[in-house]
Amino acid sequence: MLQVHNLSKSFSNTTILKNVHFNLELGKICVIIGNNGSGKTTFLKCLSGLMNFDSGSINFNCPNGHLFLSDKLNIFGDLTIEENLKVVATYYNQNYDEPSFNDSLDKLNIKQFKDMPLKFLSRGNLQRNKLCIAMNLNWDYLLIDEPFSNLDKEGIKIFNNVFEDFKSKNKSIIYSSHQNTKQSIFDNSISVEDFKDEK
């Protein structure tokens, strides 16, 4: 179980998160809701360990750790989907599995873009590439920033299906969204506005 206790984060004199208590069991999906600039990405980066926080504790009590996928869709723009995955897998000390990769391309409906550099993909297909990474790495908790942005109805349906598959494998997802979440799936939602100073 992921356990967050009294997590606080400020920039200069501005409180972004204050005394956050948050638990999430394996096999659950949680959406972090808030407007742009409200602190959703900051929260995910604190959870991932990419950003220091002022006080509190974060414990991932799980064997396979976590994977963080940011809203920066095009980190290795000159690489193909496959080449990009191999780089990321190496970073996480994990192996590349070609059958699994090809299966994920089929499920995400992006096989036709397999040999195209990422910089030429649409933003929606770059989102699918981001999910392709998650489908090919081993983790217990997926932290993913704005996964449903720039997706059409087909893309949203595909993402929901993949998220459901993750759940069935007892994996947990925490994702952020500033959009209407009626079309996406989740077990519970929290607002970053609840993490501010008391008024």
N, C-alpha and C. Protein backbone atom coordinates (compact mmCIF):
# COMPACT_ATOMS: atom_id res chain seq x y z
N MET A 1 0.83 -1.21 0.00
CA MET A 1 0.00 0.00 0.00
C MET A 1 0.87 1.26 0.00
N LEU A 2 0.49 2.23 -0.83
CA LEU A 2 1.13 3.53 -0.80
C LEU A 2 0.58 4.32 0.39
N GLN A 3 1.48 4.85 1.20
CA GLN A 3 1.08 5.63 2.36
C GLN A 3 1.79 6.99 2.33
N VAL A 4 1.00 8.04 2.31
CA VAL A 4 1.52 9.41 2.35
C VAL A 4 1.05 10.04 3.65
N HIS A 5 2.00 10.58 4.41
CA HIS A 5 1.67 11.12 5.74
C HIS A 5 2.24 12.53 5.89
N ASN A 6 1.35 13.49 6.14
CA ASN A 6 1.72 14.88 6.43
C ASN A 6 2.65 15.49 5.38
N LEU A 7 2.40 15.21 4.13
CA LEU A 7 3.23 15.74 3.05
C LEU A 7 2.93 17.22 2.82
N SER A 8 3.98 18.03 2.84
CA SER A 8 3.83 19.46 2.60
C SER A 8 4.89 19.94 1.61
N LYS A 9 4.49 20.89 0.76
CA LYS A 9 5.41 21.44 -0.24
C LYS A 9 5.04 22.89 -0.50
N SER A 10 6.07 23.76 -0.49
CA SER A 10 5.88 25.18 -0.78
C SER A 10 6.93 25.64 -1.77
N PHE A 11 6.58 26.66 -2.54
CA PHE A 11 7.53 27.38 -3.38
C PHE A 11 7.56 28.82 -2.90
N SER A 12 8.74 29.26 -2.41
CA SER A 12 8.86 30.57 -1.78
C SER A 12 7.86 30.65 -0.64
N ASN A 13 6.93 31.61 -0.69
CA ASN A 13 5.95 31.74 0.38
C ASN A 13 4.57 31.18 0.00
N THR A 14 4.53 30.43 -1.10
CA THR A 14 3.26 29.89 -1.58
C THR A 14 3.14 28.41 -1.23
N THR A 15 2.13 28.07 -0.47
CA THR A 15 1.88 26.68 -0.10
C THR A 15 1.18 25.97 -1.25
N ILE A 16 1.77 24.89 -1.72
CA ILE A 16 1.18 24.10 -2.79
C ILE A 16 0.43 22.89 -2.22
N LEU A 17 1.07 22.20 -1.28
CA LEU A 17 0.47 21.05 -0.61
C LEU A 17 0.69 21.21 0.88
N LYS A 18 -0.31 20.89 1.68
CA LYS A 18 -0.15 21.02 3.13
C LYS A 18 -0.77 19.84 3.85
N ASN A 19 0.08 19.13 4.59
CA ASN A 19 -0.35 18.04 5.48
C ASN A 19 -1.24 17.02 4.75
N VAL A 20 -0.73 16.54 3.62
CA VAL A 20 -1.50 15.59 2.82
C VAL A 20 -1.43 14.20 3.45
N HIS A 21 -2.59 13.64 3.69
CA HIS A 21 -2.71 12.23 4.10
C HIS A 21 -3.37 11.49 2.95
N PHE A 22 -2.71 10.43 2.50
CA PHE A 22 -3.22 9.75 1.31
C PHE A 22 -2.75 8.31 1.31
N ASN A 23 -3.68 7.37 1.19
CA ASN A 23 -3.35 5.96 1.09
C ASN A 23 -4.01 5.38 -0.15
N LEU A 24 -3.33 4.46 -0.81
CA LEU A 24 -3.92 3.79 -1.96
C LEU A 24 -3.45 2.35 -2.00
N GLU A 25 -4.42 1.44 -1.96
CA GLU A 25 -4.12 0.02 -2.02
C GLU A 25 -3.81 -0.41 -3.45
N LEU A 26 -3.18 -1.54 -3.58
CA LEU A 26 -2.93 -2.10 -4.91
C LEU A 26 -4.26 -2.49 -5.57
N GLY A 27 -4.31 -2.32 -6.88
CA GLY A 27 -5.51 -2.65 -7.62
C GLY A 27 -6.55 -1.54 -7.63
N LYS A 28 -6.15 -0.32 -7.31
CA LYS A 28 -7.07 0.83 -7.27
C LYS A 28 -6.59 1.93 -8.21
N ILE A 29 -7.54 2.74 -8.67
CA ILE A 29 -7.23 3.87 -9.53
C ILE A 29 -7.73 5.15 -8.86
N CYS A 30 -6.85 6.15 -8.77
CA CYS A 30 -7.20 7.43 -8.15
C CYS A 30 -6.88 8.56 -9.11
N VAL A 31 -7.79 9.50 -9.27
CA VAL A 31 -7.56 10.66 -10.12
C VAL A 31 -7.36 11.89 -9.23
N ILE A 32 -6.32 12.66 -9.56
CA ILE A 32 -6.04 13.92 -8.88
C ILE A 32 -6.61 15.04 -9.74
N ILE A 33 -7.57 15.78 -9.21
CA ILE A 33 -8.28 16.78 -9.99
C ILE A 33 -7.85 18.18 -9.58
N GLY A 34 -7.73 19.06 -10.56
CA GLY A 34 -7.42 20.46 -10.28
C GLY A 34 -7.16 21.22 -11.56
N ASN A 35 -7.24 22.54 -11.47
CA ASN A 35 -6.97 23.38 -12.62
C ASN A 35 -5.49 23.38 -12.96
N ASN A 36 -5.16 23.85 -14.15
CA ASN A 36 -3.75 23.98 -14.53
C ASN A 36 -3.04 24.89 -13.52
N GLY A 37 -1.87 24.45 -13.08
CA GLY A 37 -1.09 25.24 -12.13
C GLY A 37 -1.51 25.09 -10.69
N SER A 38 -2.42 24.16 -10.40
CA SER A 38 -2.95 24.04 -9.04
C SER A 38 -2.10 23.14 -8.13
N GLY A 39 -1.18 22.37 -8.71
CA GLY A 39 -0.31 21.54 -7.89
C GLY A 39 -0.39 20.05 -8.18
N LYS A 40 -1.14 19.66 -9.20
CA LYS A 40 -1.28 18.23 -9.51
C LYS A 40 0.07 17.60 -9.87
N THR A 41 0.79 18.26 -10.78
CA THR A 41 2.09 17.73 -11.21
C THR A 41 3.09 17.75 -10.06
N THR A 42 3.04 18.79 -9.25
CA THR A 42 3.92 18.86 -8.07
C THR A 42 3.68 17.66 -7.16
N PHE A 43 2.42 17.33 -6.93
CA PHE A 43 2.09 16.18 -6.08
C PHE A 43 2.65 14.89 -6.66
N LEU A 44 2.46 14.68 -7.97
CA LEU A 44 2.96 13.47 -8.60
C LEU A 44 4.49 13.42 -8.57
N LYS A 45 5.14 14.56 -8.76
CA LYS A 45 6.61 14.58 -8.74
C LYS A 45 7.14 14.32 -7.34
N CYS A 46 6.43 14.78 -6.32
CA CYS A 46 6.83 14.47 -4.95
C CYS A 46 6.69 12.97 -4.69
N LEU A 47 5.58 12.41 -5.14
CA LEU A 47 5.38 10.96 -4.97
C LEU A 47 6.46 10.16 -5.68
N SER A 48 6.86 10.63 -6.85
CA SER A 48 7.82 9.88 -7.67
C SER A 48 9.25 9.99 -7.16
N GLY A 49 9.51 11.00 -6.33
CA GLY A 49 10.87 11.23 -5.86
C GLY A 49 11.66 12.19 -6.72
N LEU A 50 11.02 12.74 -7.76
CA LEU A 50 11.71 13.69 -8.63
C LEU A 50 11.77 15.09 -8.03
N MET A 51 10.97 15.35 -7.02
CA MET A 51 10.94 16.67 -6.39
C MET A 51 11.00 16.51 -4.88
N ASN A 52 11.84 17.29 -4.25
CA ASN A 52 11.90 17.28 -2.80
C ASN A 52 10.66 17.93 -2.21
N PHE A 53 10.28 17.49 -1.01
CA PHE A 53 9.16 18.12 -0.31
C PHE A 53 9.65 18.62 1.03
N ASP A 54 8.87 19.52 1.64
CA ASP A 54 9.31 20.20 2.86
C ASP A 54 9.24 19.31 4.09
N SER A 55 8.18 18.52 4.19
CA SER A 55 8.02 17.67 5.36
C SER A 55 7.05 16.54 5.03
N GLY A 56 7.03 15.54 5.91
CA GLY A 56 6.14 14.40 5.71
C GLY A 56 6.90 13.18 5.23
N SER A 57 6.15 12.15 4.85
CA SER A 57 6.76 10.90 4.41
C SER A 57 5.92 10.25 3.32
N ILE A 58 6.62 9.51 2.44
CA ILE A 58 5.98 8.76 1.37
C ILE A 58 6.57 7.36 1.37
N ASN A 59 5.73 6.34 1.47
CA ASN A 59 6.20 4.96 1.51
C ASN A 59 5.43 4.11 0.51
N PHE A 60 6.17 3.55 -0.45
CA PHE A 60 5.60 2.57 -1.36
C PHE A 60 5.93 1.18 -0.82
N ASN A 61 4.97 0.59 -0.15
CA ASN A 61 5.19 -0.73 0.43
C ASN A 61 4.78 -1.79 -0.58
N CYS A 62 5.63 -1.99 -1.58
CA CYS A 62 5.30 -2.92 -2.65
C CYS A 62 6.61 -3.43 -3.27
N PRO A 63 6.59 -4.62 -3.86
CA PRO A 63 7.83 -5.21 -4.36
C PRO A 63 8.37 -4.60 -5.65
N ASN A 64 7.48 -4.06 -6.50
CA ASN A 64 7.91 -3.62 -7.83
C ASN A 64 7.99 -2.10 -8.00
N GLY A 65 7.81 -1.36 -6.92
CA GLY A 65 8.02 0.07 -6.98
C GLY A 65 7.00 0.81 -7.83
N HIS A 66 7.43 1.96 -8.37
CA HIS A 66 6.52 2.80 -9.11
C HIS A 66 7.17 3.31 -10.39
N LEU A 67 6.33 3.75 -11.30
CA LEU A 67 6.76 4.33 -12.58
C LEU A 67 6.08 5.67 -12.72
N PHE A 68 6.84 6.71 -13.03
CA PHE A 68 6.29 8.05 -13.24
C PHE A 68 6.41 8.42 -14.71
N LEU A 69 5.30 8.81 -15.31
CA LEU A 69 5.27 9.30 -16.69
C LEU A 69 4.73 10.71 -16.68
N SER A 70 5.57 11.67 -17.06
CA SER A 70 5.20 13.08 -16.96
C SER A 70 4.33 13.51 -18.13
N ASP A 71 3.95 14.78 -18.12
CA ASP A 71 3.17 15.33 -19.22
C ASP A 71 4.06 15.75 -20.38
N LYS A 72 5.38 15.56 -20.25
CA LYS A 72 6.30 15.87 -21.35
C LYS A 72 6.30 14.68 -22.29
N LEU A 73 5.59 14.82 -23.41
CA LEU A 73 5.29 13.67 -24.26
C LEU A 73 6.43 13.28 -25.19
N ASN A 74 7.35 14.19 -25.43
CA ASN A 74 8.27 13.99 -26.55
C ASN A 74 9.71 14.16 -26.08
N ILE A 75 10.14 13.31 -25.15
CA ILE A 75 11.48 13.46 -24.59
C ILE A 75 12.55 13.06 -25.60
N PHE A 76 12.33 11.95 -26.29
CA PHE A 76 13.30 11.47 -27.28
C PHE A 76 12.67 11.54 -28.66
N GLY A 77 12.50 12.75 -29.17
CA GLY A 77 11.74 12.98 -30.38
C GLY A 77 12.31 12.37 -31.64
N ASP A 78 13.62 12.16 -31.68
CA ASP A 78 14.24 11.59 -32.88
C ASP A 78 14.18 10.06 -32.89
N LEU A 79 13.70 9.46 -31.81
CA LEU A 79 13.63 8.01 -31.72
C LEU A 79 12.24 7.52 -32.11
N THR A 80 12.17 6.28 -32.57
CA THR A 80 10.88 5.64 -32.84
C THR A 80 10.26 5.17 -31.52
N ILE A 81 9.02 4.71 -31.58
CA ILE A 81 8.35 4.19 -30.39
C ILE A 81 9.17 3.07 -29.75
N GLU A 82 9.66 2.17 -30.60
CA GLU A 82 10.44 1.03 -30.10
C GLU A 82 11.77 1.48 -29.51
N GLU A 83 12.47 2.36 -30.20
CA GLU A 83 13.77 2.84 -29.71
C GLU A 83 13.60 3.59 -28.40
N ASN A 84 12.55 4.38 -28.31
CA ASN A 84 12.27 5.14 -27.10
C ASN A 84 12.03 4.20 -25.92
N LEU A 85 11.24 3.16 -26.16
CA LEU A 85 10.96 2.18 -25.10
C LEU A 85 12.22 1.50 -24.62
N LYS A 86 13.11 1.13 -25.54
CA LYS A 86 14.35 0.46 -25.16
C LYS A 86 15.20 1.35 -24.26
N VAL A 87 15.24 2.65 -24.56
CA VAL A 87 16.00 3.59 -23.73
C VAL A 87 15.40 3.66 -22.33
N VAL A 88 14.08 3.81 -22.26
CA VAL A 88 13.42 3.93 -20.96
C VAL A 88 13.57 2.63 -20.16
N ALA A 89 13.44 1.48 -20.83
CA ALA A 89 13.60 0.20 -20.14
C ALA A 89 14.99 0.07 -19.54
N THR A 90 16.00 0.52 -20.28
CA THR A 90 17.37 0.48 -19.77
C THR A 90 17.51 1.36 -18.54
N TYR A 91 16.86 2.52 -18.58
CA TYR A 91 16.91 3.44 -17.44
C TYR A 91 16.36 2.78 -16.18
N TYR A 92 15.32 1.96 -16.33
CA TYR A 92 14.71 1.27 -15.19
C TYR A 92 15.30 -0.11 -14.96
N ASN A 93 16.38 -0.43 -15.66
CA ASN A 93 17.05 -1.73 -15.52
C ASN A 93 16.09 -2.89 -15.79
N GLN A 94 15.28 -2.73 -16.82
CA GLN A 94 14.34 -3.77 -17.20
C GLN A 94 14.60 -4.20 -18.64
N ASN A 95 14.13 -5.38 -18.96
CA ASN A 95 14.38 -5.95 -20.28
C ASN A 95 13.29 -5.56 -21.27
N TYR A 96 13.68 -5.43 -22.51
CA TYR A 96 12.74 -5.19 -23.60
C TYR A 96 12.25 -6.53 -24.13
N ASP A 97 10.94 -6.67 -24.25
CA ASP A 97 10.34 -7.91 -24.72
C ASP A 97 9.55 -7.61 -26.00
N GLU A 98 10.05 -8.10 -27.14
CA GLU A 98 9.45 -7.74 -28.42
C GLU A 98 8.01 -8.22 -28.58
N PRO A 99 7.66 -9.48 -28.22
CA PRO A 99 6.25 -9.90 -28.33
C PRO A 99 5.31 -9.03 -27.51
N SER A 100 5.72 -8.68 -26.29
CA SER A 100 4.90 -7.82 -25.44
C SER A 100 4.76 -6.43 -26.08
N PHE A 101 5.84 -5.93 -26.65
CA PHE A 101 5.82 -4.62 -27.30
C PHE A 101 4.84 -4.62 -28.47
N ASN A 102 4.92 -5.63 -29.32
CA ASN A 102 4.04 -5.69 -30.48
C ASN A 102 2.57 -5.83 -30.06
N ASP A 103 2.33 -6.58 -28.99
CA ASP A 103 0.97 -6.72 -28.48
C ASP A 103 0.43 -5.38 -27.99
N SER A 104 1.27 -4.60 -27.34
CA SER A 104 0.83 -3.29 -26.84
C SER A 104 0.54 -2.34 -28.00
N LEU A 105 1.32 -2.42 -29.08
CA LEU A 105 1.05 -1.58 -30.25
C LEU A 105 -0.33 -1.89 -30.82
N ASP A 106 -0.67 -3.18 -30.88
CA ASP A 106 -1.98 -3.59 -31.39
C ASP A 106 -3.10 -3.05 -30.49
N LYS A 107 -2.95 -3.20 -29.19
CA LYS A 107 -3.98 -2.76 -28.26
C LYS A 107 -4.17 -1.24 -28.29
N LEU A 108 -3.08 -0.51 -28.53
CA LEU A 108 -3.13 0.94 -28.57
C LEU A 108 -3.44 1.49 -29.96
N ASN A 109 -3.48 0.60 -30.95
CA ASN A 109 -3.77 0.96 -32.33
C ASN A 109 -2.76 1.98 -32.88
N ILE A 110 -1.47 1.71 -32.64
CA ILE A 110 -0.42 2.59 -33.17
C ILE A 110 0.67 1.79 -33.90
N LYS A 111 0.34 0.58 -34.31
CA LYS A 111 1.35 -0.25 -34.97
C LYS A 111 1.82 0.38 -36.27
N GLN A 112 0.95 1.14 -36.93
CA GLN A 112 1.32 1.76 -38.20
C GLN A 112 2.36 2.86 -38.02
N PHE A 113 2.57 3.30 -36.78
CA PHE A 113 3.54 4.36 -36.51
C PHE A 113 4.84 3.82 -35.90
N LYS A 114 5.01 2.50 -35.93
CA LYS A 114 6.12 1.85 -35.24
C LYS A 114 7.47 2.41 -35.65
N ASP A 115 7.68 2.71 -36.93
CA ASP A 115 9.00 3.15 -37.42
C ASP A 115 9.10 4.65 -37.61
N MET A 116 8.13 5.39 -37.10
CA MET A 116 8.13 6.85 -37.26
C MET A 116 8.73 7.52 -36.03
N PRO A 117 9.64 8.48 -36.20
CA PRO A 117 10.16 9.21 -35.04
C PRO A 117 9.03 9.89 -34.26
N LEU A 118 9.18 9.93 -32.97
CA LEU A 118 8.12 10.48 -32.13
C LEU A 118 7.77 11.91 -32.46
N LYS A 119 8.73 12.68 -32.93
CA LYS A 119 8.47 14.10 -33.20
C LYS A 119 7.45 14.31 -34.32
N PHE A 120 7.15 13.25 -35.07
CA PHE A 120 6.17 13.37 -36.15
C PHE A 120 4.79 12.85 -35.76
N LEU A 121 4.64 12.33 -34.55
CA LEU A 121 3.36 11.81 -34.11
C LEU A 121 2.46 12.93 -33.61
N SER A 122 1.15 12.73 -33.73
CA SER A 122 0.20 13.68 -33.16
C SER A 122 0.27 13.61 -31.64
N ARG A 123 -0.28 14.63 -30.98
CA ARG A 123 -0.24 14.64 -29.51
C ARG A 123 -1.04 13.47 -28.93
N GLY A 124 -2.12 13.11 -29.60
CA GLY A 124 -2.90 11.97 -29.12
C GLY A 124 -2.11 10.68 -29.21
N ASN A 125 -1.37 10.49 -30.31
CA ASN A 125 -0.57 9.28 -30.46
C ASN A 125 0.65 9.30 -29.56
N LEU A 126 1.14 10.49 -29.22
CA LEU A 126 2.21 10.57 -28.24
C LEU A 126 1.71 10.13 -26.86
N GLN A 127 0.45 10.42 -26.57
CA GLN A 127 -0.13 9.92 -25.32
C GLN A 127 -0.17 8.39 -25.34
N ARG A 128 -0.53 7.83 -26.49
CA ARG A 128 -0.57 6.36 -26.59
C ARG A 128 0.84 5.78 -26.44
N ASN A 129 1.83 6.48 -26.97
CA ASN A 129 3.21 6.04 -26.78
C ASN A 129 3.58 6.02 -25.30
N LYS A 130 3.10 7.03 -24.57
CA LYS A 130 3.38 7.08 -23.14
C LYS A 130 2.79 5.87 -22.43
N LEU A 131 1.57 5.50 -22.81
CA LEU A 131 0.95 4.33 -22.20
C LEU A 131 1.64 3.05 -22.64
N CYS A 132 2.20 3.05 -23.85
CA CYS A 132 2.96 1.90 -24.34
C CYS A 132 4.13 1.60 -23.40
N ILE A 133 4.77 2.65 -22.91
CA ILE A 133 5.87 2.48 -21.97
C ILE A 133 5.39 1.76 -20.72
N ALA A 134 4.26 2.21 -20.18
CA ALA A 134 3.73 1.59 -18.97
C ALA A 134 3.36 0.14 -19.19
N MET A 135 2.88 -0.20 -20.40
CA MET A 135 2.47 -1.57 -20.70
C MET A 135 3.65 -2.51 -20.84
N ASN A 136 4.85 -1.96 -20.97
CA ASN A 136 6.03 -2.79 -21.21
C ASN A 136 7.06 -2.75 -20.09
N LEU A 137 6.72 -2.11 -18.99
CA LEU A 137 7.60 -2.10 -17.83
C LEU A 137 6.87 -2.72 -16.63
N ASN A 138 7.65 -3.19 -15.68
CA ASN A 138 7.09 -3.82 -14.48
C ASN A 138 7.03 -2.80 -13.36
N TRP A 139 5.87 -2.63 -12.75
CA TRP A 139 5.67 -1.67 -11.66
C TRP A 139 4.41 -2.08 -10.89
N ASP A 140 4.26 -1.53 -9.69
CA ASP A 140 3.05 -1.73 -8.90
C ASP A 140 2.17 -0.48 -8.90
N TYR A 141 2.82 0.70 -8.93
CA TYR A 141 2.09 1.97 -8.94
C TYR A 141 2.52 2.79 -10.15
N LEU A 142 1.53 3.21 -10.94
CA LEU A 142 1.78 4.07 -12.08
C LEU A 142 1.33 5.48 -11.74
N LEU A 143 2.26 6.43 -11.82
CA LEU A 143 1.96 7.84 -11.62
C LEU A 143 2.03 8.50 -12.99
N ILE A 144 0.91 8.98 -13.48
CA ILE A 144 0.87 9.46 -14.86
C ILE A 144 0.14 10.81 -14.92
N ASP A 145 0.79 11.77 -15.55
CA ASP A 145 0.31 13.14 -15.60
C ASP A 145 -0.54 13.37 -16.85
N GLU A 146 -1.80 13.76 -16.65
CA GLU A 146 -2.72 14.13 -17.73
C GLU A 146 -2.80 13.08 -18.86
N PRO A 147 -3.08 11.83 -18.54
CA PRO A 147 -3.08 10.80 -19.59
C PRO A 147 -4.21 10.95 -20.61
N PHE A 148 -5.32 11.61 -20.22
CA PHE A 148 -6.48 11.67 -21.11
C PHE A 148 -6.53 12.95 -21.96
N SER A 149 -5.56 13.83 -21.79
CA SER A 149 -5.55 15.04 -22.61
C SER A 149 -5.17 14.69 -24.05
N ASN A 150 -5.78 15.40 -24.99
CA ASN A 150 -5.52 15.23 -26.43
C ASN A 150 -5.98 13.89 -26.99
N LEU A 151 -6.86 13.19 -26.27
CA LEU A 151 -7.38 11.93 -26.77
C LEU A 151 -8.78 12.11 -27.34
N ASP A 152 -9.07 11.42 -28.44
CA ASP A 152 -10.43 11.39 -28.95
C ASP A 152 -11.20 10.28 -28.23
N LYS A 153 -12.46 10.06 -28.62
CA LYS A 153 -13.29 9.07 -27.93
C LYS A 153 -12.69 7.67 -28.02
N GLU A 154 -12.12 7.34 -29.19
CA GLU A 154 -11.49 6.03 -29.34
C GLU A 154 -10.31 5.89 -28.38
N GLY A 155 -9.50 6.95 -28.30
CA GLY A 155 -8.34 6.92 -27.42
C GLY A 155 -8.74 6.77 -25.96
N ILE A 156 -9.78 7.49 -25.54
CA ILE A 156 -10.26 7.39 -24.17
C ILE A 156 -10.72 5.97 -23.87
N LYS A 157 -11.43 5.36 -24.81
CA LYS A 157 -11.90 3.98 -24.63
C LYS A 157 -10.73 3.03 -24.50
N ILE A 158 -9.71 3.20 -25.35
CA ILE A 158 -8.52 2.34 -25.30
C ILE A 158 -7.82 2.50 -23.95
N PHE A 159 -7.64 3.73 -23.49
CA PHE A 159 -6.97 3.96 -22.22
C PHE A 159 -7.75 3.34 -21.07
N ASN A 160 -9.07 3.49 -21.08
CA ASN A 160 -9.88 2.89 -20.02
C ASN A 160 -9.73 1.38 -20.01
N ASN A 161 -9.69 0.77 -21.18
CA ASN A 161 -9.52 -0.69 -21.27
C ASN A 161 -8.17 -1.12 -20.70
N VAL A 162 -7.12 -0.37 -21.05
CA VAL A 162 -5.79 -0.70 -20.54
C VAL A 162 -5.73 -0.49 -19.03
N PHE A 163 -6.34 0.59 -18.53
CA PHE A 163 -6.37 0.83 -17.09
C PHE A 163 -7.10 -0.31 -16.37
N GLU A 164 -8.21 -0.77 -16.95
CA GLU A 164 -8.93 -1.89 -16.36
C GLU A 164 -8.06 -3.15 -16.33
N ASP A 165 -7.27 -3.33 -17.37
CA ASP A 165 -6.37 -4.48 -17.42
C ASP A 165 -5.30 -4.38 -16.33
N PHE A 166 -4.77 -3.17 -16.13
CA PHE A 166 -3.81 -2.96 -15.04
C PHE A 166 -4.45 -3.34 -13.69
N LYS A 167 -5.68 -2.88 -13.47
CA LYS A 167 -6.38 -3.18 -12.22
C LYS A 167 -6.52 -4.67 -12.01
N SER A 168 -6.86 -5.39 -13.08
CA SER A 168 -7.06 -6.83 -12.98
C SER A 168 -5.78 -7.55 -12.59
N LYS A 169 -4.64 -6.91 -12.83
CA LYS A 169 -3.34 -7.47 -12.46
C LYS A 169 -2.85 -6.92 -11.12
N ASN A 170 -3.76 -6.29 -10.37
CA ASN A 170 -3.49 -5.76 -9.04
C ASN A 170 -2.46 -4.63 -9.06
N LYS A 171 -2.49 -3.85 -10.13
CA LYS A 171 -1.64 -2.66 -10.23
C LYS A 171 -2.50 -1.43 -9.94
N SER A 172 -1.87 -0.40 -9.40
CA SER A 172 -2.58 0.83 -9.05
C SER A 172 -2.13 1.98 -9.93
N ILE A 173 -3.05 2.91 -10.15
CA ILE A 173 -2.77 4.06 -11.00
C ILE A 173 -3.19 5.33 -10.26
N ILE A 174 -2.31 6.32 -10.28
CA ILE A 174 -2.65 7.66 -9.82
C ILE A 174 -2.41 8.59 -11.00
N TYR A 175 -3.46 9.23 -11.47
CA TYR A 175 -3.29 10.13 -12.61
C TYR A 175 -3.94 11.47 -12.33
N SER A 176 -3.44 12.50 -12.99
CA SER A 176 -3.96 13.84 -12.82
C SER A 176 -4.85 14.20 -13.99
N SER A 177 -5.77 15.12 -13.73
CA SER A 177 -6.66 15.57 -14.81
C SER A 177 -7.23 16.94 -14.46
N HIS A 178 -7.29 17.82 -15.46
CA HIS A 178 -8.00 19.09 -15.29
C HIS A 178 -9.29 19.08 -16.10
N GLN A 179 -9.57 17.92 -16.73
CA GLN A 179 -10.73 17.81 -17.60
C GLN A 179 -11.90 17.16 -16.89
N ASN A 180 -13.04 17.14 -17.58
CA ASN A 180 -14.19 16.39 -17.10
C ASN A 180 -13.81 14.90 -17.08
N THR A 181 -13.96 14.27 -15.93
CA THR A 181 -13.51 12.88 -15.78
C THR A 181 -14.63 11.86 -15.97
N LYS A 182 -15.78 12.29 -16.48
CA LYS A 182 -16.92 11.38 -16.61
C LYS A 182 -16.63 10.21 -17.53
N GLN A 183 -15.77 10.42 -18.54
CA GLN A 183 -15.50 9.35 -19.50
C GLN A 183 -14.36 8.44 -19.08
N SER A 184 -13.63 8.81 -18.04
CA SER A 184 -12.50 8.00 -17.60
C SER A 184 -12.88 7.22 -16.35
N ILE A 185 -12.08 6.21 -16.03
CA ILE A 185 -12.42 5.34 -14.90
C ILE A 185 -11.53 5.66 -13.70
N PHE A 186 -12.10 5.53 -12.52
CA PHE A 186 -11.34 5.68 -11.28
C PHE A 186 -12.18 5.15 -10.13
N ASP A 187 -11.49 4.77 -9.05
CA ASP A 187 -12.17 4.29 -7.85
C ASP A 187 -12.45 5.43 -6.88
N ASN A 188 -11.58 6.40 -6.85
CA ASN A 188 -11.80 7.58 -6.03
C ASN A 188 -11.06 8.77 -6.62
N SER A 189 -11.46 9.95 -6.20
CA SER A 189 -10.84 11.17 -6.70
C SER A 189 -10.53 12.09 -5.53
N ILE A 190 -9.49 12.88 -5.67
CA ILE A 190 -9.16 13.89 -4.68
C ILE A 190 -8.81 15.18 -5.40
N SER A 191 -9.12 16.28 -4.77
CA SER A 191 -8.84 17.59 -5.35
C SER A 191 -7.62 18.20 -4.68
N VAL A 192 -6.73 18.77 -5.48
CA VAL A 192 -5.55 19.40 -4.90
C VAL A 192 -5.92 20.61 -4.06
N GLU A 193 -7.11 21.14 -4.26
CA GLU A 193 -7.56 22.27 -3.44
C GLU A 193 -7.69 21.85 -1.97
N ASP A 194 -7.87 20.56 -1.74
CA ASP A 194 -7.96 20.05 -0.37
C ASP A 194 -6.59 20.01 0.30
N PHE A 195 -5.52 20.24 -0.49
CA PHE A 195 -4.17 20.15 0.04
C PHE A 195 -3.59 21.54 0.34
N LYS A 196 -4.41 22.57 0.33
CA LYS A 196 -3.93 23.94 0.54
C LYS A 196 -4.05 24.32 2.01
N ASP A 197 -3.66 25.56 2.30
CA ASP A 197 -3.85 26.10 3.63
C ASP A 197 -5.33 26.12 4.00
N GLU A 198 -5.63 25.87 5.24
CA GLU A 198 -7.01 26.02 5.69
C GLU A 198 -7.38 27.48 5.62
N LYS A 199 -8.63 27.72 5.23
CA LYS A 199 -9.10 29.11 5.10
C LYS A 199 -9.90 29.51 6.32
